[in-house]
């Protein structure tokens, strides 16, 4: 039985504990500073780079003229890892006469491969992989986002904005025996997204940030779904350097009703993950 591709068991209790520690440190730090240092300042430019611990769940359902046809939960059937630590980065630039416009670029990649002795028979196109066969698989998804944000409300402590942009999602799946790739498929899904963002200064050096981006698009040939929710607590103890802790949940599903691309892709891919992000930050 195929599991819900968007169901993930994620230890949110640990995330709440760590976020609580950040808030305690923030308020404990406030009385130690002189009043002259209590200045709230939105950065003009920032670069974040950190490690992301993700818990993942992926389903794939593909069919094409080449004979590929598979409906699998990749973690259960093929042994792909359900959790992984990866590098994630983002850059942001604030511009305009009133500093209400923002450009954001981000990159995140999940690259997984596995070899597993099959516990049940799998049929892909004209190929049957019997129980006991050693099957190797790769499933890679990259998330490249470019966003424009406009702050419709902004004062020294609060920013409220709307977002619009594009997610480019290269997805690559292959399966075969240990030494031979029998079937493979690729798809790149550039999809427009819309969303909201907000920033709140808890203290001059501690910020709470949230953003959410989403999309539901359906045409005669494709259907796309994206839901991306982020929440961070940032602590900036130095003039140009800081660090933060965030929680991110992401859901993606792309369906092609007609064959598209050189690899003759037809079918659907669905991935969801949730995780903790710890990052360093350079800003001015």
Protein backbone atom coordinates (compact mmCIF):
# COMPACT_ATOMS: atom_id res chain seq x y z
CA UNK A 1 0.00 0.00 0.00
CA UNK A 2 1.32 3.45 -0.93
CA UNK A 3 1.52 5.91 1.94
CA UNK A 4 0.29 9.46 1.81
CA UNK A 5 3.22 11.30 0.13
CA UNK A 6 2.67 14.30 2.38
CA UNK A 7 2.71 12.48 5.74
CA UNK A 8 5.93 12.85 7.74
CA UNK A 9 6.61 11.96 11.34
CA UNK A 10 8.79 14.82 12.57
CA UNK A 11 9.95 15.44 16.15
CA UNK A 12 8.56 18.95 16.52
CA UNK A 13 8.99 18.84 20.32
CA UNK A 14 12.77 19.14 19.99
CA UNK A 15 12.34 22.08 17.63
CA UNK A 16 10.12 23.90 20.12
CA UNK A 17 12.65 23.32 22.90
CA UNK A 18 15.50 24.78 20.86
CA UNK A 19 13.42 27.77 19.77
CA UNK A 20 12.51 28.34 23.41
CA UNK A 21 16.20 28.41 24.33
CA UNK A 22 16.78 31.10 21.69
CA UNK A 23 13.99 33.23 23.14
CA UNK A 24 15.28 32.83 26.70
CA UNK A 25 18.75 33.93 25.60
CA UNK A 26 17.24 36.88 23.78
CA UNK A 27 15.35 38.26 26.76
CA UNK A 28 18.21 37.48 29.15
CA UNK A 29 20.53 39.51 26.94
CA UNK A 30 18.30 42.60 26.75
CA UNK A 31 18.90 44.11 30.25
CA UNK A 32 22.68 43.78 29.83
CA UNK A 33 22.84 46.36 27.04
CA UNK A 34 22.85 50.12 27.43
CA UNK A 35 19.94 52.10 26.06
CA UNK A 36 22.22 53.61 23.41
CA UNK A 37 22.70 50.19 21.81
CA UNK A 38 18.97 49.47 21.42
CA UNK A 39 18.62 50.31 17.73
CA UNK A 40 16.42 48.30 15.41
CA UNK A 41 17.78 47.99 11.89
CA UNK A 42 16.56 45.96 8.91
CA UNK A 43 19.57 44.66 6.98
CA UNK A 44 20.09 45.70 3.37
CA UNK A 45 21.94 42.57 2.30
CA UNK A 46 22.23 39.12 3.91
CA UNK A 47 23.63 35.70 3.04
CA UNK A 48 22.67 32.58 5.02
CA UNK A 49 24.46 29.23 4.80
CA UNK A 50 23.81 26.25 7.00
CA UNK A 51 23.00 22.61 7.50
CA UNK A 52 19.49 21.24 7.14
CA UNK A 53 18.33 18.01 8.79
CA UNK A 54 15.39 16.79 6.72
CA UNK A 55 12.89 13.97 7.26
CA UNK A 56 11.57 12.90 3.84
CA UNK A 57 8.83 10.95 2.12
CA UNK A 58 8.60 10.46 -1.67
CA UNK A 59 6.17 8.78 -4.06
CA UNK A 60 6.61 8.39 -7.80
CA UNK A 61 4.21 7.26 -10.52
CA UNK A 62 5.70 7.33 -14.01
CA UNK A 63 4.73 6.04 -17.44
CA UNK A 64 6.01 6.70 -20.94
CA UNK A 65 6.44 5.31 -24.44
CA UNK A 66 9.85 3.99 -23.41
CA UNK A 67 8.09 1.48 -21.18
CA UNK A 68 8.67 3.11 -17.79
CA UNK A 69 5.77 2.66 -15.45
CA UNK A 70 6.16 2.59 -11.70
CA UNK A 71 4.04 3.48 -8.69
CA UNK A 72 6.23 3.36 -5.59
CA UNK A 73 6.94 4.85 -2.23
CA UNK A 74 10.69 5.20 -2.70
CA UNK A 75 11.70 4.97 0.94
CA UNK A 76 9.74 1.77 1.59
CA UNK A 77 10.24 -0.04 -1.71
CA UNK A 78 13.81 0.93 -2.65
CA UNK A 79 15.43 1.73 0.68
CA UNK A 80 16.14 5.42 0.12
CA UNK A 81 17.03 7.23 3.34
CA UNK A 82 14.19 8.89 5.23
CA UNK A 83 16.45 11.54 6.79
CA UNK A 84 19.58 13.37 5.71
CA UNK A 85 21.73 16.41 6.54
CA UNK A 86 22.34 18.68 3.54
CA UNK A 87 23.69 22.18 2.87
CA UNK A 88 21.21 24.97 2.23
CA UNK A 89 21.80 28.62 1.33
CA UNK A 90 19.89 31.85 0.64
CA UNK A 91 20.72 35.46 -0.22
CA UNK A 92 18.54 38.57 0.12
CA UNK A 93 18.89 42.15 -1.14
CA UNK A 94 16.76 45.09 0.03
CA UNK A 95 16.49 48.03 -2.39
CA UNK A 96 14.38 51.04 -3.38
CA UNK A 97 14.08 54.59 -2.06
CA UNK A 98 11.88 53.42 0.84
CA UNK A 99 13.57 50.00 1.19
CA UNK A 100 10.29 48.16 0.65
CA UNK A 101 11.47 45.87 -2.18
CA UNK A 102 13.41 42.63 -1.64
CA UNK A 103 14.99 40.08 -3.96
CA UNK A 104 15.64 36.58 -2.59
CA UNK A 105 17.53 33.67 -4.13
CA UNK A 106 17.83 30.24 -2.55
CA UNK A 107 19.17 26.76 -3.30
CA UNK A 108 18.58 23.40 -1.65
CA UNK A 109 19.33 19.93 -3.01
CA UNK A 110 18.41 16.43 -1.84
CA UNK A 111 20.54 13.75 -3.50
CA UNK A 112 19.85 10.17 -2.48
CA UNK A 113 20.82 6.72 -3.75
CA UNK A 114 20.39 3.25 -2.37
CA UNK A 115 20.90 -0.43 -3.08
CA UNK A 116 18.40 -2.87 -1.62
CA UNK A 117 17.50 -6.52 -1.82
CA UNK A 118 13.85 -6.38 -2.86
CA UNK A 119 11.36 -7.68 -0.32
CA UNK A 120 8.49 -7.70 -2.82
CA UNK A 121 8.18 -7.95 -6.58
CA UNK A 122 8.31 -4.68 -8.53
CA UNK A 123 7.13 -4.34 -12.14
CA UNK A 124 8.46 -1.40 -14.18
CA UNK A 125 7.31 -1.28 -17.79
CA UNK A 126 8.28 -4.60 -19.37
CA UNK A 127 10.77 -5.41 -16.60
CA UNK A 128 9.92 -7.41 -13.48
CA UNK A 129 12.28 -7.16 -10.52
CA UNK A 130 11.73 -10.34 -8.47
CA UNK A 131 11.98 -10.78 -4.73
CA UNK A 132 15.61 -11.13 -3.65
CA UNK A 133 17.12 -9.12 -6.52
CA UNK A 134 19.62 -6.35 -5.66
CA UNK A 135 18.18 -3.12 -7.11
CA UNK A 136 19.96 0.25 -7.16
CA UNK A 137 18.12 3.57 -7.39
CA UNK A 138 18.75 7.31 -7.43
CA UNK A 139 16.26 10.06 -6.61
CA UNK A 140 17.47 13.66 -6.72
CA UNK A 141 15.45 16.82 -6.31
CA UNK A 142 16.80 20.37 -6.33
CA UNK A 143 14.88 23.48 -5.26
CA UNK A 144 16.03 26.72 -6.87
CA UNK A 145 13.88 29.69 -5.89
CA UNK A 146 13.84 33.31 -6.97
CA UNK A 147 11.42 35.62 -5.16
CA UNK A 148 10.40 39.28 -5.15
CA UNK A 149 8.90 40.64 -1.92
CA UNK A 150 7.13 43.92 -1.34
CA UNK A 151 6.67 45.24 2.21
CA UNK A 152 3.24 46.85 2.38
CA UNK A 153 3.89 47.67 6.06
CA UNK A 154 7.28 48.39 7.57
CA UNK A 155 8.44 50.20 10.69
CA UNK A 156 11.54 49.85 12.85
CA UNK A 157 10.38 46.55 14.40
CA UNK A 158 7.80 44.97 12.06
CA UNK A 159 7.78 44.03 8.38
CA UNK A 160 4.73 42.60 6.60
CA UNK A 161 5.01 41.74 2.92
CA UNK A 162 3.70 39.80 -0.07
CA UNK A 163 5.80 37.61 -2.36
CA UNK A 164 5.83 36.36 -5.93
CA UNK A 165 8.43 34.31 -7.75
CA UNK A 166 9.48 31.12 -9.48
CA UNK A 167 10.51 27.69 -8.20
CA UNK A 168 12.67 25.60 -10.56
CA UNK A 169 12.59 21.95 -9.47
CA UNK A 170 14.88 19.57 -11.38
CA UNK A 171 13.86 16.00 -10.50
CA UNK A 172 15.87 12.93 -11.55
CA UNK A 173 14.87 9.31 -10.91
CA UNK A 174 16.55 6.10 -12.05
CA UNK A 175 16.33 2.42 -11.12
CA UNK A 176 18.16 -0.68 -12.25
CA UNK A 177 20.34 -3.55 -11.19
CA UNK A 178 23.53 -2.85 -9.31
CA UNK A 179 25.52 -2.30 -12.51
CA UNK A 180 22.92 -1.34 -15.11
CA UNK A 181 20.32 1.45 -15.24
CA UNK A 182 17.21 -0.14 -16.72
CA UNK A 183 14.83 2.81 -16.52
CA UNK A 184 15.21 6.53 -15.87
CA UNK A 185 13.22 9.73 -16.11
CA UNK A 186 13.88 13.43 -15.67
CA UNK A 187 11.63 16.44 -15.33
CA UNK A 188 12.22 20.12 -14.65
CA UNK A 189 9.16 21.94 -13.35
CA UNK A 190 9.44 25.75 -13.30
CA UNK A 191 6.38 26.82 -11.35
CA UNK A 192 5.22 30.31 -10.24
CA UNK A 193 4.49 30.77 -6.53
CA UNK A 194 2.90 33.42 -4.33
CA UNK A 195 3.14 34.02 -0.63
CA UNK A 196 3.56 36.18 2.45
CA UNK A 197 6.46 37.08 4.75
CA UNK A 198 6.88 38.87 8.05
CA UNK A 199 9.71 39.92 10.35
CA UNK A 200 9.43 40.93 14.00
CA UNK A 201 12.24 42.26 16.21
CA UNK A 202 11.89 40.65 19.64
CA UNK A 203 14.96 42.64 20.73
CA UNK A 204 17.39 44.68 18.60
CA UNK A 205 19.51 41.56 18.15
CA UNK A 206 16.86 38.84 18.01
CA UNK A 207 14.39 38.51 15.13
CA UNK A 208 11.48 36.19 14.44
CA UNK A 209 10.96 35.59 10.70
CA UNK A 210 8.26 33.69 8.86
CA UNK A 211 7.36 33.16 5.23
CA UNK A 212 4.99 30.91 3.33
CA UNK A 213 4.85 30.27 -0.42
CA UNK A 214 2.24 28.21 -2.21
CA UNK A 215 0.86 27.26 -5.62
CA UNK A 216 -1.91 25.17 -7.11
CA UNK A 217 -1.89 25.11 -10.92
CA UNK A 218 -3.84 22.84 -13.26
CA UNK A 219 -3.98 22.87 -17.06
CA UNK A 220 -4.90 20.32 -19.70
CA UNK A 221 -1.36 18.88 -19.66
CA UNK A 222 0.10 19.49 -16.17
CA UNK A 223 -0.80 19.97 -12.54
CA UNK A 224 1.50 21.46 -9.91
CA UNK A 225 1.26 21.83 -6.14
CA UNK A 226 3.75 23.59 -3.84
CA UNK A 227 3.51 24.44 -0.16
CA UNK A 228 6.60 25.87 1.55
CA UNK A 229 6.45 27.13 5.16
CA UNK A 230 9.46 28.55 7.03
CA UNK A 231 9.95 29.98 10.51
CA UNK A 232 13.29 31.21 11.92
CA UNK A 233 14.67 32.78 15.06
CA UNK A 234 17.82 34.81 14.34
CA UNK A 235 20.36 36.06 16.87
CA UNK A 236 22.82 38.73 15.66
CA UNK A 237 25.34 39.28 18.47
CA UNK A 238 27.96 40.88 16.19
CA UNK A 239 27.88 43.83 13.81
CA UNK A 240 27.90 41.82 10.58
CA UNK A 241 27.56 38.22 11.73
CA UNK A 242 24.82 36.19 13.33
CA UNK A 243 23.21 32.78 13.36
CA UNK A 244 19.75 31.30 13.39
CA UNK A 245 17.58 28.27 13.85
CA UNK A 246 14.61 27.49 11.63
CA UNK A 247 11.86 24.99 10.94
CA UNK A 248 10.82 24.25 7.36
CA UNK A 249 8.04 22.06 5.91
CA UNK A 250 7.79 21.56 2.15
CA UNK A 251 5.34 19.70 -0.10
CA UNK A 252 5.68 19.28 -3.85
CA UNK A 253 3.67 17.34 -6.40
CA UNK A 254 3.99 17.56 -10.18
CA UNK A 255 1.81 15.64 -12.64
CA UNK A 256 2.13 15.49 -16.43
CA UNK A 257 -0.95 14.15 -18.19
CA UNK A 258 0.83 14.17 -21.57
CA UNK A 259 4.36 13.16 -22.49
CA UNK A 260 6.77 16.10 -22.24
CA UNK A 261 10.51 16.57 -22.63
CA UNK A 262 13.24 14.53 -24.24
CA UNK A 263 12.86 11.76 -21.66
CA UNK A 264 9.19 11.36 -22.53
CA UNK A 265 8.05 12.04 -18.96
CA UNK A 266 4.45 11.18 -18.12
CA UNK A 267 3.11 10.62 -14.64
CA UNK A 268 3.61 12.24 -11.25
CA UNK A 269 6.29 12.80 -8.64
CA UNK A 270 5.60 13.84 -5.07
CA UNK A 271 8.01 14.74 -2.29
CA UNK A 272 7.51 16.16 1.17
CA UNK A 273 9.99 16.92 3.91
CA UNK A 274 10.23 18.66 7.25
CA UNK A 275 13.34 19.61 9.13
CA UNK A 276 15.53 21.86 11.25
CA UNK A 277 17.93 24.40 9.77
CA UNK A 278 20.91 25.80 11.68
CA UNK A 279 22.78 28.50 9.78
CA UNK A 280 25.34 31.24 9.95
CA UNK A 281 24.60 34.69 8.57
CA UNK A 282 26.59 37.59 7.10
CA UNK A 283 24.68 40.85 6.77
CA UNK A 284 24.97 44.63 6.57
